[in-house]
Amino acid sequence: MSLDKAMQAMKFDVRLLEYQLATGQITKEEVQKYLSQLPDSSENSENLNLEEKTSGQDQH
């Protein structure tokens, strides 16, 4: 894969997004459009209760 193709594949990679926005390689509008096109996968999620303590144990 060429460097250009690799960069296109990572265009919306969250690790590079701030840099690309700052350098004008991508616009906020492009990001919003991309995010709005992502499928809703909330049905695959699971709620976690981080406040729940196990009985008889003090967790830190």
Protein backbone atom coordinates (compact mmCIF):
# COMPACT_ATOMS: atom_id res chain seq x y z
CA MET A 1 0.00 0.00 0.00
CA SER A 2 1.34 3.42 -0.90
CA LEU A 3 1.77 6.10 1.73
CA ASP A 4 -1.02 8.16 0.16
CA LYS A 5 -3.45 5.23 0.30
CA ALA A 6 -2.42 4.48 3.88
CA MET A 7 -3.05 8.10 4.89
CA GLN A 8 -6.48 8.05 3.20
CA ALA A 9 -7.35 4.88 5.10
CA MET A 10 -6.44 6.67 8.34
CA LYS A 11 -8.08 9.97 7.45
CA PHE A 12 -10.57 9.79 10.30
CA ASP A 13 -8.32 7.98 12.78
CA VAL A 14 -8.93 9.66 16.13
CA ARG A 15 -5.18 9.63 16.87
CA LEU A 16 -4.53 11.87 13.85
CA LEU A 17 -7.72 13.89 13.76
CA GLU A 18 -6.56 16.87 15.85
CA TYR A 19 -3.38 17.21 13.79
CA GLN A 20 -5.26 16.99 10.49
CA LEU A 21 -7.78 19.60 11.63
CA ALA A 22 -4.99 21.94 12.76
CA THR A 23 -3.10 21.61 9.47
CA GLY A 24 -6.19 21.97 7.29
CA GLN A 25 -5.96 18.47 5.85
CA ILE A 26 -9.55 17.85 6.95
CA THR A 27 -12.45 20.12 7.92
CA LYS A 28 -14.87 19.88 10.82
CA GLU A 29 -17.64 19.49 8.26
CA GLU A 30 -15.93 16.41 6.78
CA VAL A 31 -15.61 14.91 10.25
CA GLN A 32 -19.28 15.57 11.04
CA LYS A 33 -20.37 14.04 7.73
CA TYR A 34 -18.24 10.95 8.36
CA LEU A 35 -19.57 10.55 11.91
CA SER A 36 -23.17 10.93 10.76
CA GLN A 37 -22.69 8.10 8.26
CA LEU A 38 -21.41 5.59 10.82
CA PRO A 39 -23.88 2.81 11.61
CA ASP A 40 -25.56 2.73 15.02
CA SER A 41 -24.05 -0.21 16.89
CA SER A 42 -25.57 0.59 20.28
CA GLU A 43 -27.35 -2.77 20.23
CA ASN A 44 -23.92 -4.37 20.63
CA SER A 45 -23.08 -2.38 23.75
CA GLU A 46 -23.32 -3.39 27.36
CA ASN A 47 -23.90 -1.07 30.33
CA LEU A 48 -21.41 -1.30 33.15
CA ASN A 49 -22.02 -0.18 36.71
CA LEU A 50 -18.67 1.06 37.95
CA GLU A 51 -20.06 2.07 41.34
CA GLU A 52 -21.12 -1.44 42.28
CA LYS A 53 -19.07 -3.02 45.09
CA THR A 54 -18.69 -6.72 45.60
CA SER A 55 -19.96 -7.97 48.93
CA GLY A 56 -17.35 -8.18 51.68
CA GLN A 57 -14.53 -6.63 49.68
CA ASP A 58 -13.27 -3.08 49.70
CA GLN A 59 -12.04 -2.26 46.24
CA HIS A 60 -9.59 0.54 45.56
